[in-house]
Amino acid sequence: MRSLSLDWLRARDRGLAALRRAGRTAIVMPAMFAVGDRVIGNPTLATFAVFGSFAMLLLVDFGGPMRDRLRAQASLAVVGGVFVCVGTLASQSTPLAAVAMALVAFGVLFAGIASSVLAGATTSLLLAFILPVSVAGATSSIPDRLAGWGLAAGAALLAIALLWPAPERDPLRGPAIAACRALAARLRAIVQRGYRVVAAPDGHGGEVQSGPDRIAFEGTAGREVSRFLQELNGTGHAERPGRNYAGTEVSEAEALFGLGEPSTWDAERARVAQRMAAKPLVLRLDESDRRAVVGGMPGYVVHGLRLSATRLVQSAAVMYRGLRREGRLKDGYAFCGRQGQAYDNDGQPIAPPPEMVYVVYADPDGYVFDWDWVREAPSHPGHPIDPELRFTGDPEPHVPEAVIVGVEDLQPAPQFNPQLAAPSPRGDCIFCYFSEEFAFAERINDDLTIFRSASSQEPTGFKIKNVERMLEERRVRLVAPDLTVEVHAFLLASLLRDPDKIEVYSVLIGAWMRRAGHTEPPRIKLPPARRASLTGV
């Protein structure tokens, strides 16, 4: 419990600075009052000693080395003493006190613009003048008031030096450490993903390319950059003795002990070489899916493909094979991973849904047909929840480099169409969105996925899967003479796979019909080839 309390305090009070000031003040203020009122027996001295310690211990906290802090504290005490004298003289006349207060306040606040030290002491200096100018006193009271202020100043100097002295703060130390850690993490990620060092055409400069990451370098440092990355990956040999994290030279035996078993190095080198030699997987969008995407789907779906999906496939945490247990998609694949941001209907970046990953689905020919936010598996960061139900295969041991082409210029339709039913032959599915609220995907069963609003959890649409199988099993009725199919027939057919969830279906169908404004069930036309296979003509 004690450790939790300290952690809670440190999270809200950086360096425990506020706790340090409060603790000193709680000790010194009562002591000053006791000395002034009970020991010396001077109420005026006691009052200024109490407020002086309050001003110099709680309202100001100078940084830097201890010598600089004590020097700044002494300067504050001297200037505060001057203000005590001037404020006492001005307090004898109300108009004069008002004018003096205005001038001193302006001077103190203006001086804070020129110096960060003065800016930090602004409140203390103002209190040093407000107290004497607000409490009218004769000139003869100045020695008592000044004595109280001086007593507080001496106690403050001792408290700062002896009572829980603050460690020296270097304003550049924290940012420098954070920058070095970020650079180290970036370099580790580059080495783990695989990289290429590409020189500029003129031989001057170039860049390190690793997935979506690019690091430029100048001059003719390409060879040195390659050697550094090879040494970092354990695939090169340095010309000088190695050093540990502290910069101390280490022997070869110490280096080997830190790097682990040498027998694993060849396999790691082979893995990196295989990844670097592999050709990138080029993904694209089928023309029928392209027409559906720009034909009235929610804006966040279009921008998700253009901005999130293209980035995800270049930096996926994992890739699964096998999207269906039968048919073409049993050889399809899904790229999964976290994304730092999502996009709304206007293409503006927003915070991603909490505890979710982005998943991009493609058929065996490399055609992308779906991309959604999905709940993340609690015990497997970067993986979607229930992967054993979603995919027929295990995660691939290596995620291939991939890129989605031809979607850079996609833009949503001027008007969202809640009555659109968009079949995807590549994905063997049908998409229906009856709300353009930003949503995530929730798997119901093998045949149905519903889209839920990220804010309200209400249904905003659905995806019917395994359309080919439903047609072959004659679970849906064809409408003559043009062989169209009612979408709600597919929806009801998917219920046969999971009849226990009829309540989910009733809510979904009700929301669909109500929010999309359907007067009759929407229909879709079968592709010519599919109609021929069903009718034999």
Protein backbone atom coordinates (compact mmCIF):
# COMPACT_ATOMS: atom_id res chain seq x y z
CA MET A 1 0.00 0.00 0.00
CA ARG A 2 2.86 2.34 0.85
CA SER A 3 4.51 1.67 -2.51
CA LEU A 4 1.21 2.28 -4.34
CA SER A 5 0.76 5.61 -2.53
CA LEU A 6 4.24 6.77 -3.53
CA ASP A 7 3.66 5.68 -7.13
CA TRP A 8 0.36 7.58 -7.17
CA LEU A 9 2.09 10.70 -5.82
CA ARG A 10 5.00 10.48 -8.27
CA ALA A 11 2.59 10.13 -11.19
CA ARG A 12 0.89 13.40 -10.21
CA ASP A 13 3.76 15.30 -8.56
CA ARG A 14 6.90 15.15 -10.67
CA GLY A 15 9.93 14.69 -8.46
CA LEU A 16 7.65 15.14 -5.41
CA ALA A 17 8.34 18.89 -5.69
CA ALA A 18 4.95 19.97 -4.31
CA LEU A 19 5.17 17.49 -1.43
CA ARG A 20 8.67 18.76 -0.61
CA ARG A 21 7.54 22.41 -0.47
CA ALA A 22 4.44 21.57 1.55
CA GLY A 23 6.43 19.52 4.06
CA ARG A 24 8.98 22.27 4.66
CA THR A 25 6.25 24.88 5.06
CA ALA A 26 4.30 22.70 7.48
CA ILE A 27 7.39 22.45 9.69
CA VAL A 28 8.72 26.02 9.49
CA MET A 29 5.50 28.11 9.60
CA PRO A 30 4.29 26.92 13.05
CA ALA A 31 7.84 27.24 14.38
CA MET A 32 8.05 30.86 13.19
CA PHE A 33 4.74 31.70 14.82
CA ALA A 34 5.82 30.09 18.10
CA VAL A 35 9.12 31.96 18.15
CA GLY A 36 7.57 35.34 17.29
CA ASP A 37 4.50 35.13 19.51
CA ARG A 38 5.50 32.93 22.45
CA VAL A 39 9.29 33.37 22.71
CA ILE A 40 9.80 36.98 21.56
CA GLY A 41 6.24 38.09 22.41
CA ASN A 42 5.82 40.36 19.38
CA PRO A 43 2.59 39.74 17.38
CA THR A 44 3.71 41.95 14.47
CA LEU A 45 6.99 40.08 14.15
CA ALA A 46 5.15 36.76 14.39
CA THR A 47 2.70 37.73 11.63
CA PHE A 48 5.43 38.72 9.16
CA ALA A 49 7.53 35.69 10.11
CA VAL A 50 4.60 33.36 9.34
CA PHE A 51 3.66 34.96 6.01
CA GLY A 52 7.31 35.36 5.06
CA SER A 53 8.01 31.65 5.50
CA PHE A 54 4.82 30.90 3.55
CA ALA A 55 5.97 33.12 0.68
CA MET A 56 9.56 31.90 0.55
CA LEU A 57 8.95 28.17 1.06
CA LEU A 58 5.60 27.29 -0.50
CA LEU A 59 5.15 29.83 -3.29
CA VAL A 60 8.57 29.55 -4.89
CA ASP A 61 10.92 26.70 -5.80
CA PHE A 62 14.15 27.72 -7.51
CA GLY A 63 16.02 25.14 -9.59
CA GLY A 64 19.66 24.52 -10.45
CA PRO A 65 22.66 23.74 -8.23
CA MET A 66 22.32 24.37 -4.48
CA ARG A 67 24.58 27.46 -4.61
CA ASP A 68 22.37 29.08 -7.25
CA ARG A 69 19.23 28.22 -5.30
CA LEU A 70 20.54 29.78 -2.09
CA ARG A 71 21.70 32.85 -3.98
CA ALA A 72 18.27 33.27 -5.58
CA GLN A 73 16.58 32.74 -2.20
CA ALA A 74 18.78 35.40 -0.57
CA SER A 75 17.97 37.84 -3.37
CA LEU A 76 14.28 37.17 -2.84
CA ALA A 77 14.67 37.91 0.87
CA VAL A 78 16.45 41.23 0.19
CA VAL A 79 13.91 42.43 -2.39
CA GLY A 80 11.06 41.26 -0.14
CA GLY A 81 12.55 43.28 2.74
CA VAL A 82 12.57 46.40 0.58
CA PHE A 83 8.92 45.77 -0.33
CA VAL A 84 8.04 45.40 3.36
CA CYS A 85 9.51 48.84 4.07
CA VAL A 86 7.91 50.54 1.06
CA GLY A 87 4.56 48.86 1.65
CA THR A 88 4.50 49.97 5.29
CA LEU A 89 5.17 53.60 4.30
CA ALA A 90 2.46 53.50 1.60
CA SER A 91 -0.09 51.88 3.93
CA GLN A 92 -0.61 55.16 5.86
CA SER A 93 -2.68 56.59 2.96
CA THR A 94 -5.32 54.60 1.09
CA PRO A 95 -4.90 56.43 -2.28
CA LEU A 96 -1.12 56.15 -2.00
CA ALA A 97 -1.41 52.44 -1.13
CA ALA A 98 -3.57 51.80 -4.21
CA VAL A 99 -1.17 53.62 -6.55
CA ALA A 100 1.86 51.94 -5.01
CA MET A 101 0.23 48.50 -5.32
CA ALA A 102 -0.50 49.09 -9.00
CA LEU A 103 3.05 50.23 -9.75
CA VAL A 104 4.71 47.41 -7.83
CA ALA A 105 2.44 44.76 -9.37
CA PHE A 106 3.15 46.05 -12.87
CA GLY A 107 6.89 46.16 -12.22
CA VAL A 108 7.06 42.66 -10.75
CA LEU A 109 4.94 41.07 -13.47
CA PHE A 110 6.81 42.90 -16.23
CA ALA A 111 10.19 41.88 -14.80
CA GLY A 112 9.04 38.26 -14.94
CA ILE A 113 9.05 38.49 -18.74
CA ALA A 114 12.79 39.11 -18.81
CA SER A 115 13.90 36.38 -16.38
CA SER A 116 12.63 32.89 -15.61
CA VAL A 117 13.98 33.24 -12.04
CA LEU A 118 11.95 36.41 -11.48
CA ALA A 119 8.93 34.79 -13.11
CA GLY A 120 9.11 31.93 -10.61
CA ALA A 121 9.28 34.37 -7.67
CA THR A 122 6.46 36.68 -8.84
CA THR A 123 3.84 35.43 -6.36
CA SER A 124 6.25 35.59 -3.41
CA LEU A 125 7.31 39.15 -4.26
CA LEU A 126 3.72 40.30 -4.60
CA LEU A 127 2.83 38.80 -1.22
CA ALA A 128 5.84 40.60 0.32
CA PHE A 129 4.24 43.90 -0.72
CA ILE A 130 0.53 43.03 -0.36
CA LEU A 131 0.83 42.16 3.35
CA PRO A 132 2.47 45.40 4.60
CA VAL A 133 0.48 47.70 2.30
CA SER A 134 -2.84 46.08 3.29
CA VAL A 135 -2.23 46.26 7.05
CA ALA A 136 -1.83 49.94 7.97
CA GLY A 137 1.15 50.59 10.19
CA ALA A 138 3.22 53.49 11.45
CA THR A 139 6.78 54.08 10.43
CA SER A 140 7.84 52.85 13.86
CA SER A 141 6.49 49.35 13.00
CA ILE A 142 8.99 48.86 10.16
CA PRO A 143 11.73 47.32 12.39
CA ASP A 144 9.32 44.71 13.80
CA ARG A 145 7.95 43.86 10.37
CA LEU A 146 11.42 43.68 8.84
CA ALA A 147 12.64 41.51 11.72
CA GLY A 148 9.80 39.06 11.11
CA TRP A 149 10.59 38.93 7.40
CA GLY A 150 14.29 38.44 8.12
CA LEU A 151 13.57 35.65 10.60
CA ALA A 152 11.50 33.89 7.94
CA ALA A 153 14.25 34.39 5.33
CA GLY A 154 16.89 32.82 7.57
CA ALA A 155 14.64 29.84 8.36
CA ALA A 156 13.86 29.41 4.66
CA LEU A 157 17.55 29.29 3.72
CA LEU A 158 18.21 26.62 6.35
CA ALA A 159 15.15 24.62 5.33
CA ILE A 160 16.10 24.63 1.64
CA ALA A 161 19.65 23.51 2.40
CA LEU A 162 18.89 20.96 5.13
CA LEU A 163 15.24 19.83 5.02
CA TRP A 164 14.87 17.32 2.16
CA PRO A 165 17.02 19.26 -0.32
CA ALA A 166 15.79 18.90 -3.89
CA PRO A 167 18.15 17.15 -6.33
CA GLU A 168 19.74 19.28 -8.99
CA ARG A 169 17.56 19.47 -12.08
CA ASP A 170 19.02 19.63 -15.56
CA PRO A 171 16.30 20.77 -17.99
CA LEU A 172 18.00 18.96 -20.88
CA ARG A 173 18.67 15.67 -19.12
CA GLY A 174 15.13 14.25 -19.32
CA PRO A 175 14.49 15.20 -22.97
CA ALA A 176 17.95 13.93 -23.96
CA ILE A 177 17.31 10.57 -22.28
CA ALA A 178 13.89 10.32 -23.93
CA ALA A 179 15.36 11.15 -27.35
CA CYS A 180 18.11 8.53 -26.98
CA ARG A 181 15.60 5.89 -25.92
CA ALA A 182 13.35 6.72 -28.86
CA LEU A 183 16.29 6.51 -31.26
CA ALA A 184 17.38 3.17 -29.77
CA ALA A 185 13.85 1.76 -30.10
CA ARG A 186 13.68 2.99 -33.69
CA LEU A 187 17.02 1.36 -34.56
CA ARG A 188 15.98 -1.92 -32.91
CA ALA A 189 12.77 -1.94 -34.93
CA ILE A 190 14.69 -1.28 -38.15
CA VAL A 191 17.08 -4.15 -37.52
CA GLN A 192 14.28 -6.53 -36.54
CA ARG A 193 12.16 -5.71 -39.61
CA GLY A 194 15.07 -5.78 -42.04
CA TYR A 195 16.42 -2.80 -43.94
CA ARG A 196 18.14 -1.51 -47.05
CA VAL A 197 20.81 1.20 -47.20
CA VAL A 198 20.14 3.10 -50.44
CA ALA A 199 22.68 5.64 -51.68
CA ALA A 200 21.58 8.78 -53.53
CA PRO A 201 22.12 8.76 -57.35
CA ASP A 202 24.91 11.33 -57.07
CA GLY A 203 26.69 9.36 -54.34
CA HIS A 204 26.24 12.06 -51.73
CA GLY A 205 23.94 10.95 -48.95
CA GLY A 206 21.13 8.42 -49.03
CA GLU A 207 18.65 6.80 -46.67
CA VAL A 208 17.97 3.67 -44.64
CA GLN A 209 14.69 2.09 -45.74
CA SER A 210 12.80 -0.27 -43.44
CA GLY A 211 9.09 -0.74 -44.02
CA PRO A 212 7.50 2.69 -43.60
CA ASP A 213 10.58 4.07 -41.83
CA ARG A 214 13.12 6.28 -43.60
CA ILE A 215 16.33 7.68 -42.05
CA ALA A 216 18.36 10.01 -44.25
CA PHE A 217 22.13 10.45 -43.98
CA GLU A 218 24.48 12.92 -45.64
CA GLY A 219 27.85 12.73 -47.32
CA THR A 220 29.53 9.40 -48.05
CA ALA A 221 28.56 7.71 -44.79
CA GLY A 222 26.69 4.83 -46.44
CA ARG A 223 29.38 2.25 -45.66
CA GLU A 224 29.65 3.36 -42.03
CA VAL A 225 25.86 3.27 -41.65
CA SER A 226 25.72 -0.28 -43.06
CA ARG A 227 28.54 -1.41 -40.79
CA PHE A 228 26.86 0.11 -37.74
CA LEU A 229 23.53 -1.61 -38.46
CA GLN A 230 25.29 -4.93 -39.13
CA GLU A 231 27.13 -4.69 -35.81
CA LEU A 232 23.86 -3.84 -34.10
CA ASN A 233 22.29 -6.95 -35.61
CA GLY A 234 25.28 -9.18 -34.86
CA THR A 235 25.96 -9.82 -38.57
CA GLY A 236 29.13 -7.74 -38.94
CA HIS A 237 32.52 -7.43 -37.30
CA ALA A 238 33.85 -4.26 -35.71
CA GLU A 239 37.44 -3.11 -36.23
CA ARG A 240 37.76 -1.86 -32.63
CA PRO A 241 37.13 -3.63 -29.31
CA GLY A 242 33.48 -3.74 -28.34
CA ARG A 243 31.99 -1.65 -25.56
CA ASN A 244 29.14 -2.28 -23.15
CA TYR A 245 26.21 0.03 -22.43
CA ALA A 246 28.40 2.13 -20.10
CA GLY A 247 31.08 2.66 -22.77
CA THR A 248 33.62 0.29 -21.19
CA GLU A 249 35.60 -1.96 -23.52
CA VAL A 250 34.68 -5.63 -23.19
CA SER A 251 36.48 -8.77 -24.23
CA GLU A 252 35.28 -11.13 -26.96
CA ALA A 253 34.23 -13.64 -24.30
CA GLU A 254 32.11 -11.02 -22.54
CA ALA A 255 30.53 -10.02 -25.84
CA LEU A 256 29.73 -13.63 -26.73
CA PHE A 257 28.20 -14.18 -23.32
CA GLY A 258 25.93 -11.15 -23.79
CA LEU A 259 24.95 -12.08 -27.36
CA GLY A 260 23.88 -15.60 -26.46
CA GLU A 261 24.54 -18.94 -28.12
CA PRO A 262 26.51 -18.50 -31.39
CA SER A 263 24.70 -21.48 -32.93
CA THR A 264 21.58 -19.32 -33.27
CA TRP A 265 23.32 -16.55 -35.23
CA ASP A 266 23.30 -18.34 -38.58
CA ALA A 267 19.56 -18.92 -38.38
CA GLU A 268 19.01 -15.26 -37.53
CA ARG A 269 21.24 -14.14 -40.41
CA ALA A 270 19.32 -16.44 -42.76
CA ARG A 271 16.01 -15.01 -41.54
CA VAL A 272 17.16 -11.43 -42.16
CA ALA A 273 18.59 -12.34 -45.58
CA GLN A 274 15.37 -14.12 -46.57
CA ARG A 275 13.28 -11.12 -45.58
CA MET A 276 15.53 -8.67 -47.41
CA ALA A 277 15.57 -10.81 -50.56
CA ALA A 278 11.81 -11.38 -50.63
CA LYS A 279 9.80 -9.32 -53.07
CA PRO A 280 7.15 -7.08 -51.52
CA LEU A 281 3.60 -8.39 -51.68
CA VAL A 282 1.60 -5.98 -53.86
CA LEU A 283 -2.04 -5.67 -52.79
CA ARG A 284 -4.80 -3.85 -54.67
CA LEU A 285 -8.53 -3.21 -54.74
CA ASP A 286 -10.87 -5.00 -57.17
CA GLU A 287 -12.79 -2.70 -59.49
CA SER A 288 -16.21 -3.79 -58.16
CA ASP A 289 -15.05 -3.17 -54.58
CA ARG A 290 -13.66 0.21 -55.64
CA ARG A 291 -17.05 1.25 -57.02
CA ALA A 292 -18.74 0.17 -53.77
CA VAL A 293 -16.24 2.00 -51.57
CA VAL A 294 -16.67 5.34 -53.32
CA GLY A 295 -20.37 4.77 -54.03
CA GLY A 296 -21.77 5.73 -50.65
CA MET A 297 -19.92 3.86 -47.89
CA PRO A 298 -19.14 5.87 -44.70
CA GLY A 299 -16.24 8.28 -45.03
CA TYR A 300 -14.26 6.64 -42.24
CA VAL A 301 -14.25 3.36 -44.23
CA VAL A 302 -12.76 5.07 -47.29
CA HIS A 303 -10.15 6.99 -45.31
CA GLY A 304 -9.38 3.87 -43.28
CA LEU A 305 -8.38 2.05 -46.47
CA ARG A 306 -6.43 4.99 -47.84
CA LEU A 307 -4.56 5.91 -44.64
CA SER A 308 -4.75 3.13 -42.03
CA ALA A 309 -4.75 -0.04 -44.15
CA THR A 310 -1.86 1.10 -46.35
CA ARG A 311 0.27 1.74 -43.26
CA LEU A 312 -0.79 -1.38 -41.41
CA VAL A 313 0.34 -3.82 -44.13
CA GLN A 314 3.80 -2.19 -44.07
CA SER A 315 4.23 -2.61 -40.31
CA ALA A 316 1.93 -5.47 -39.31
CA ALA A 317 2.68 -7.29 -36.09
CA VAL A 318 1.38 -10.61 -37.42
CA MET A 319 -0.16 -12.20 -40.50
CA TYR A 320 -2.64 -15.09 -40.46
CA ARG A 321 -3.43 -17.49 -43.31
CA GLY A 322 -6.84 -19.04 -43.91
CA LEU A 323 -9.90 -16.79 -43.75
CA ARG A 324 -12.47 -19.53 -44.40
CA ARG A 325 -12.60 -23.27 -43.90
CA GLU A 326 -13.62 -23.78 -47.51
CA GLY A 327 -13.61 -22.02 -50.85
CA ARG A 328 -11.08 -19.57 -52.27
CA LEU A 329 -10.57 -17.68 -49.01
CA LYS A 330 -9.14 -20.66 -47.19
CA ASP A 331 -5.85 -19.45 -48.71
CA GLY A 332 -6.55 -15.76 -47.98
CA TYR A 333 -4.62 -13.82 -45.40
CA ALA A 334 -5.08 -11.10 -42.79
CA PHE A 335 -2.57 -8.49 -41.65
CA CYS A 336 -3.01 -7.46 -38.00
CA GLY A 337 -1.45 -4.88 -35.75
CA ARG A 338 -1.88 -1.74 -33.69
CA GLN A 339 -2.28 1.71 -35.22
CA GLY A 340 -1.44 5.02 -33.57
CA GLN A 341 -4.52 6.78 -34.89
CA ALA A 342 -7.80 6.30 -36.72
CA TYR A 343 -9.64 8.60 -39.15
CA ASP A 344 -13.12 10.08 -39.07
CA ASN A 345 -15.54 10.67 -41.95
CA ASP A 346 -13.62 13.80 -42.98
CA GLY A 347 -10.26 12.05 -43.00
CA GLN A 348 -9.11 13.82 -39.83
CA PRO A 349 -6.97 11.80 -37.38
CA ILE A 350 -8.69 10.71 -34.18
CA ALA A 351 -7.70 8.50 -31.26
CA PRO A 352 -7.92 4.79 -32.10
CA PRO A 353 -10.52 2.71 -30.26
CA PRO A 354 -9.02 1.47 -26.97
CA GLU A 355 -7.78 -2.12 -26.76
CA MET A 356 -8.29 -2.77 -30.47
CA VAL A 357 -6.14 -3.70 -33.45
CA TYR A 358 -6.53 -3.00 -37.14
CA VAL A 359 -7.02 -5.96 -39.50
CA VAL A 360 -6.72 -5.92 -43.31
CA TYR A 361 -8.13 -8.92 -45.21
CA ALA A 362 -7.03 -10.01 -48.71
CA ASP A 363 -7.87 -12.93 -51.01
CA PRO A 364 -5.21 -15.33 -52.36
CA ASP A 365 -4.71 -13.15 -55.46
CA GLY A 366 -3.77 -10.12 -53.40
CA TYR A 367 -7.06 -8.23 -53.59
CA VAL A 368 -7.99 -6.39 -50.41
CA PHE A 369 -11.70 -6.64 -49.62
CA ASP A 370 -12.13 -5.64 -45.96
CA TRP A 371 -10.38 -3.59 -43.26
CA ASP A 372 -11.74 -3.14 -39.73
CA TRP A 373 -10.95 -2.31 -36.13
CA VAL A 374 -11.26 -5.48 -34.02
CA ARG A 375 -10.88 -6.14 -30.29
CA GLU A 376 -7.33 -7.11 -29.30
CA ALA A 377 -6.50 -10.44 -27.68
CA PRO A 378 -5.69 -9.62 -24.01
CA SER A 379 -2.74 -12.01 -23.82
CA HIS A 380 -1.35 -11.41 -27.33
CA PRO A 381 -0.65 -7.74 -28.15
CA GLY A 382 -1.18 -7.00 -31.83
CA HIS A 383 -3.41 -10.07 -32.39
CA PRO A 384 -7.20 -9.96 -32.78
CA ILE A 385 -9.39 -11.66 -30.21
CA ASP A 386 -10.36 -15.32 -30.85
CA PRO A 387 -7.93 -15.96 -33.74
CA GLU A 388 -8.71 -19.70 -33.59
CA LEU A 389 -12.29 -18.88 -34.64
CA ARG A 390 -11.39 -16.27 -37.24
CA PHE A 391 -8.59 -18.08 -39.05
CA THR A 392 -7.88 -21.67 -39.98
CA GLY A 393 -4.10 -21.36 -39.77
CA ASP A 394 -1.51 -20.28 -37.23
CA PRO A 395 0.31 -16.95 -37.46
CA GLU A 396 2.96 -16.91 -40.16
CA PRO A 397 6.51 -17.07 -38.73
CA HIS A 398 7.52 -14.04 -40.82
CA VAL A 399 5.34 -11.17 -41.95
CA PRO A 400 6.15 -10.40 -45.59
CA GLU A 401 6.69 -6.86 -46.75
CA ALA A 402 3.52 -5.64 -48.40
CA VAL A 403 2.10 -2.52 -49.99
CA ILE A 404 -1.39 -1.51 -51.14
CA VAL A 405 -1.37 0.33 -54.46
CA GLY A 406 -3.99 2.32 -56.35
CA VAL A 407 -5.97 3.66 -53.38
CA GLU A 408 -4.17 6.95 -52.75
CA ASP A 409 -6.78 9.10 -54.49
CA LEU A 410 -9.93 7.41 -53.17
CA GLN A 411 -12.48 9.82 -51.70
CA PRO A 412 -15.90 9.10 -50.16
CA ALA A 413 -19.09 9.93 -52.06
CA PRO A 414 -20.54 13.40 -51.38
CA GLN A 415 -23.46 11.76 -49.60
CA PHE A 416 -23.48 8.66 -47.39
CA ASN A 417 -25.95 6.08 -48.71
CA PRO A 418 -27.58 4.10 -45.85
CA GLN A 419 -29.54 1.96 -48.34
CA LEU A 420 -26.45 0.68 -50.13
CA ALA A 421 -25.89 -3.09 -50.15
CA ALA A 422 -22.39 -3.71 -51.48
CA PRO A 423 -21.49 -7.29 -52.51
CA SER A 424 -17.79 -8.15 -52.70
CA PRO A 425 -17.08 -11.15 -54.96
CA ARG A 426 -13.45 -11.14 -53.85
CA GLY A 427 -14.42 -11.33 -50.20
CA ASP A 428 -17.45 -13.61 -50.72
CA CYS A 429 -19.46 -11.20 -48.58
CA ILE A 430 -22.00 -8.35 -48.57
CA PHE A 431 -21.53 -5.05 -46.72
CA CYS A 432 -24.42 -2.95 -45.39
CA TYR A 433 -23.93 0.28 -43.43
CA PHE A 434 -27.01 2.07 -42.14
CA SER A 435 -25.08 4.65 -40.08
CA GLU A 436 -21.86 6.53 -40.75
CA GLU A 437 -20.82 6.61 -37.09
CA PHE A 438 -17.21 5.50 -36.61
CA ALA A 439 -17.44 1.79 -35.79
CA PHE A 440 -15.53 -1.41 -35.07
CA ALA A 441 -16.25 -4.98 -36.19
CA GLU A 442 -17.61 -7.70 -33.90
CA ARG A 443 -17.68 -11.32 -35.09
CA ILE A 444 -21.01 -13.06 -34.35
CA ASN A 445 -20.36 -16.37 -36.15
CA ASP A 446 -18.83 -17.75 -39.34
CA ASP A 447 -21.52 -16.08 -41.46
CA LEU A 448 -22.07 -12.71 -39.78
CA THR A 449 -20.04 -9.77 -38.50
CA ILE A 450 -21.75 -6.66 -37.18
CA PHE A 451 -20.36 -3.14 -36.97
CA ARG A 452 -20.85 -1.29 -33.69
CA SER A 453 -20.47 2.40 -32.94
CA ALA A 454 -17.23 3.01 -31.07
CA SER A 455 -19.00 5.52 -28.81
CA SER A 456 -22.45 4.03 -28.16
CA GLN A 457 -21.91 0.33 -29.05
CA GLU A 458 -25.12 0.47 -31.12
CA PRO A 459 -25.19 -1.46 -34.43
CA THR A 460 -24.23 0.63 -37.47
CA GLY A 461 -24.11 -2.10 -40.11
CA PHE A 462 -23.16 -5.68 -40.84
CA LYS A 463 -21.20 -7.98 -43.12
CA ILE A 464 -22.65 -11.26 -44.40
CA LYS A 465 -19.98 -13.88 -45.19
CA ASN A 466 -19.94 -17.16 -47.11
CA VAL A 467 -22.39 -15.88 -49.71
CA GLU A 468 -21.29 -18.54 -52.23
CA ARG A 469 -22.08 -21.38 -49.84
CA MET A 470 -25.51 -19.95 -49.02
CA LEU A 471 -26.36 -19.78 -52.72
CA GLU A 472 -25.14 -23.31 -53.36
CA GLU A 473 -27.14 -24.65 -50.43
CA ARG A 474 -30.22 -22.80 -51.74
CA ARG A 475 -30.68 -21.09 -48.37
CA VAL A 476 -31.75 -17.89 -50.11
CA ARG A 477 -34.47 -17.29 -52.68
CA LEU A 478 -33.73 -15.91 -56.16
CA VAL A 479 -36.19 -13.33 -57.43
CA ALA A 480 -37.17 -13.65 -61.13
CA PRO A 481 -36.74 -12.46 -63.79
CA ASP A 482 -33.36 -10.75 -63.20
CA LEU A 483 -32.17 -13.19 -60.51
CA THR A 484 -31.72 -10.60 -57.78
CA VAL A 485 -31.42 -11.64 -54.14
CA GLU A 486 -32.97 -9.98 -51.11
CA VAL A 487 -30.21 -9.05 -48.67
CA HIS A 488 -32.30 -9.81 -45.61
CA ALA A 489 -32.59 -13.39 -46.89
CA PHE A 490 -28.82 -13.77 -46.51
CA LEU A 491 -29.06 -12.21 -43.06
CA LEU A 492 -31.69 -14.69 -41.95
CA ALA A 493 -29.79 -17.57 -43.57
CA SER A 494 -26.74 -16.72 -41.44
CA LEU A 495 -28.95 -17.13 -38.36
CA LEU A 496 -29.13 -20.88 -39.05
CA ARG A 497 -25.49 -21.14 -38.00
CA ASP A 498 -26.19 -19.66 -34.59
CA PRO A 499 -29.92 -19.79 -33.67
CA ASP A 500 -29.17 -18.97 -30.03
CA LYS A 501 -28.36 -15.40 -31.05
CA ILE A 502 -31.76 -14.61 -32.51
CA GLU A 503 -31.99 -11.60 -30.17
CA VAL A 504 -28.91 -10.08 -31.78
CA TYR A 505 -30.46 -10.59 -35.19
CA SER A 506 -33.78 -9.01 -34.24
CA VAL A 507 -32.02 -5.91 -32.86
CA LEU A 508 -29.82 -5.72 -35.94
CA ILE A 509 -32.66 -6.08 -38.45
CA GLY A 510 -34.80 -3.58 -36.57
CA ALA A 511 -32.02 -1.00 -36.50
CA TRP A 512 -31.24 -1.63 -40.17
CA MET A 513 -34.79 -1.14 -41.39
CA ARG A 514 -35.39 1.85 -39.10
CA ARG A 515 -32.17 3.82 -39.54
CA ALA A 516 -31.67 3.10 -43.23
CA GLY A 517 -35.27 4.09 -44.03
CA HIS A 518 -36.05 0.99 -46.09
CA THR A 519 -39.60 0.67 -47.34
CA GLU A 520 -38.85 -2.76 -48.75
CA PRO A 521 -35.91 -5.16 -48.33
CA PRO A 522 -32.94 -4.15 -50.53
CA ARG A 523 -31.77 -6.50 -53.24
CA ILE A 524 -28.50 -7.20 -55.01
CA LYS A 525 -27.86 -8.58 -58.47
CA LEU A 526 -25.73 -11.66 -58.80
CA PRO A 527 -22.65 -11.44 -61.05
CA PRO A 528 -23.34 -12.90 -64.54
CA ALA A 529 -21.05 -15.89 -63.99
CA ARG A 530 -22.76 -16.73 -60.70
CA ARG A 531 -26.23 -16.45 -62.20
CA ALA A 532 -25.23 -18.80 -64.99
CA SER A 533 -23.92 -21.40 -62.55
CA LEU A 534 -27.19 -21.35 -60.64
CA THR A 535 -29.53 -21.44 -63.64
CA GLY A 536 -27.47 -23.51 -66.03
CA VAL A 537 -27.76 -20.89 -68.82
